[in-house]
């Protein structure tokens, strides 16, 4: 049995330009998605850290007021 030969289609300059824009758009979209995820993760970390600091300060004030 003979192997099928793959027909390779040559792209025109315009098709290459379109393909280049398509690839760039895809990469930009993926970067935006990754950026959004990282910002959300960092925001959640910051919010948790701030809450922990506030909880600590509240407990310290409570402990100090009960020991005076």
C-alpha atoms as a PDB file:
ATOM      1  CA  UNK A   1       0.000   0.000   0.000  1.00  0.00           C
ATOM      2  CA  UNK A   2       1.336   3.377  -1.004  1.00  0.00           C
ATOM      3  CA  UNK A   3       1.611   6.160   1.590  1.00  0.00           C
ATOM      4  CA  UNK A   4      -0.665   9.084   0.965  1.00  0.00           C
ATOM      5  CA  UNK A   5       1.257  12.173   0.068  1.00  0.00           C
ATOM      6  CA  UNK A   6       0.186  15.226   1.992  1.00  0.00           C
ATOM      7  CA  UNK A   7      -0.609  18.205  -0.136  1.00  0.00           C
ATOM      8  CA  UNK A   8       0.985  21.313   1.314  1.00  0.00           C
ATOM      9  CA  UNK A   9      -0.840  24.521   0.572  1.00  0.00           C
ATOM     10  CA  UNK A  10       1.346  27.568   0.299  1.00  0.00           C
ATOM     11  CA  UNK A  11      -0.089  30.641   2.004  1.00  0.00           C
ATOM     12  CA  UNK A  12      -0.252  33.988   0.325  1.00  0.00           C
ATOM     13  CA  UNK A  13       1.281  37.055   1.948  1.00  0.00           C
ATOM     14  CA  UNK A  14      -2.188  38.201   2.965  1.00  0.00           C
ATOM     15  CA  UNK A  15      -2.938  34.817   4.536  1.00  0.00           C
ATOM     16  CA  UNK A  16       0.344  34.967   6.477  1.00  0.00           C
ATOM     17  CA  UNK A  17      -0.563  38.445   7.720  1.00  0.00           C
ATOM     18  CA  UNK A  18      -3.985  37.172   8.803  1.00  0.00           C
ATOM     19  CA  UNK A  19      -2.394  34.156  10.509  1.00  0.00           C
ATOM     20  CA  UNK A  20       0.092  36.402  12.309  1.00  0.00           C
ATOM     21  CA  UNK A  21      -2.735  38.599  13.616  1.00  0.00           C
ATOM     22  CA  UNK A  22      -4.695  35.516  14.677  1.00  0.00           C
ATOM     23  CA  UNK A  23      -1.716  34.167  16.646  1.00  0.00           C
ATOM     24  CA  UNK A  24      -1.059  37.559  18.246  1.00  0.00           C
ATOM     25  CA  UNK A  25      -4.727  37.913  19.235  1.00  0.00           C
ATOM     26  CA  UNK A  26      -4.711  34.431  20.782  1.00  0.00           C
ATOM     27  CA  UNK A  27      -1.559  35.155  22.783  1.00  0.00           C
ATOM     28  CA  UNK A  28      -2.935  38.512  23.938  1.00  0.00           C
ATOM     29  CA  UNK A  29      -6.179  36.856  25.062  1.00  0.00           C
ATOM     30  CA  UNK A  30      -4.300  34.173  26.995  1.00  0.00           C
ATOM     31  CA  UNK A  31      -2.117  36.821  28.641  1.00  0.00           C
ATOM     32  CA  UNK A  32      -5.189  38.797  29.728  1.00  0.00           C
ATOM     33  CA  UNK A  33      -6.775  35.682  31.217  1.00  0.00           C
ATOM     34  CA  UNK A  34      -3.563  34.823  33.105  1.00  0.00           C
ATOM     35  CA  UNK A  35      -3.223  38.414  34.317  1.00  0.00           C
ATOM     36  CA  UNK A  36      -6.794  38.432  35.620  1.00  0.00           C
ATOM     37  CA  UNK A  37      -6.231  35.163  37.500  1.00  0.00           C
ATOM     38  CA  UNK A  38      -3.025  36.438  39.080  1.00  0.00           C
ATOM     39  CA  UNK A  39      -4.617  39.748  40.097  1.00  0.00           C
ATOM     40  CA  UNK A  40      -7.567  37.902  41.667  1.00  0.00           C
ATOM     41  CA  UNK A  41      -5.193  35.589  43.556  1.00  0.00           C
ATOM     42  CA  UNK A  42      -3.072  38.495  44.791  1.00  0.00           C
ATOM     43  CA  UNK A  43      -6.167  40.463  45.809  1.00  0.00           C
ATOM     44  CA  UNK A  44      -7.512  37.511  47.792  1.00  0.00           C
ATOM     45  CA  UNK A  45      -4.121  37.117  49.515  1.00  0.00           C
ATOM     46  CA  UNK A  46      -4.010  40.826  50.357  1.00  0.00           C
ATOM     47  CA  UNK A  47      -7.578  40.821  51.671  1.00  0.00           C
ATOM     48  CA  UNK A  48      -6.838  37.794  53.851  1.00  0.00           C
ATOM     49  CA  UNK A  49      -3.653  39.370  55.171  1.00  0.00           C
ATOM     50  CA  UNK A  50      -5.452  42.620  56.017  1.00  0.00           C
ATOM     51  CA  UNK A  51      -8.215  40.701  57.784  1.00  0.00           C
ATOM     52  CA  UNK A  52      -5.642  38.740  59.794  1.00  0.00           C
ATOM     53  CA  UNK A  53      -3.950  41.993  60.854  1.00  0.00           C
ATOM     54  CA  UNK A  54      -7.283  43.497  61.877  1.00  0.00           C
ATOM     55  CA  UNK A  55      -8.202  40.350  63.832  1.00  0.00           C
ATOM     56  CA  UNK A  56      -4.825  40.385  65.581  1.00  0.00           C
ATOM     57  CA  UNK A  57      -5.174  44.066  66.514  1.00  0.00           C
ATOM     58  CA  UNK A  58      -8.698  43.460  67.822  1.00  0.00           C
ATOM     59  CA  UNK A  59      -7.521  40.553  69.984  1.00  0.00           C
ATOM     60  CA  UNK A  60      -4.573  42.583  71.278  1.00  0.00           C
ATOM     61  CA  UNK A  61      -6.847  45.513  72.218  1.00  0.00           C
ATOM     62  CA  UNK A  62      -9.216  43.084  73.940  1.00  0.00           C
ATOM     63  CA  UNK A  63      -6.361  41.399  75.859  1.00  0.00           C
ATOM     64  CA  UNK A  64      -4.860  44.740  76.903  1.00  0.00           C
ATOM     65  CA  UNK A  65      -8.176  46.182  78.057  1.00  0.00           C
ATOM     66  CA  UNK A  66      -8.863  43.103  80.204  1.00  0.00           C
ATOM     67  CA  UNK A  67      -5.411  43.170  81.803  1.00  0.00           C
ATOM     68  CA  UNK A  68      -5.461  46.758  83.056  1.00  0.00           C
END
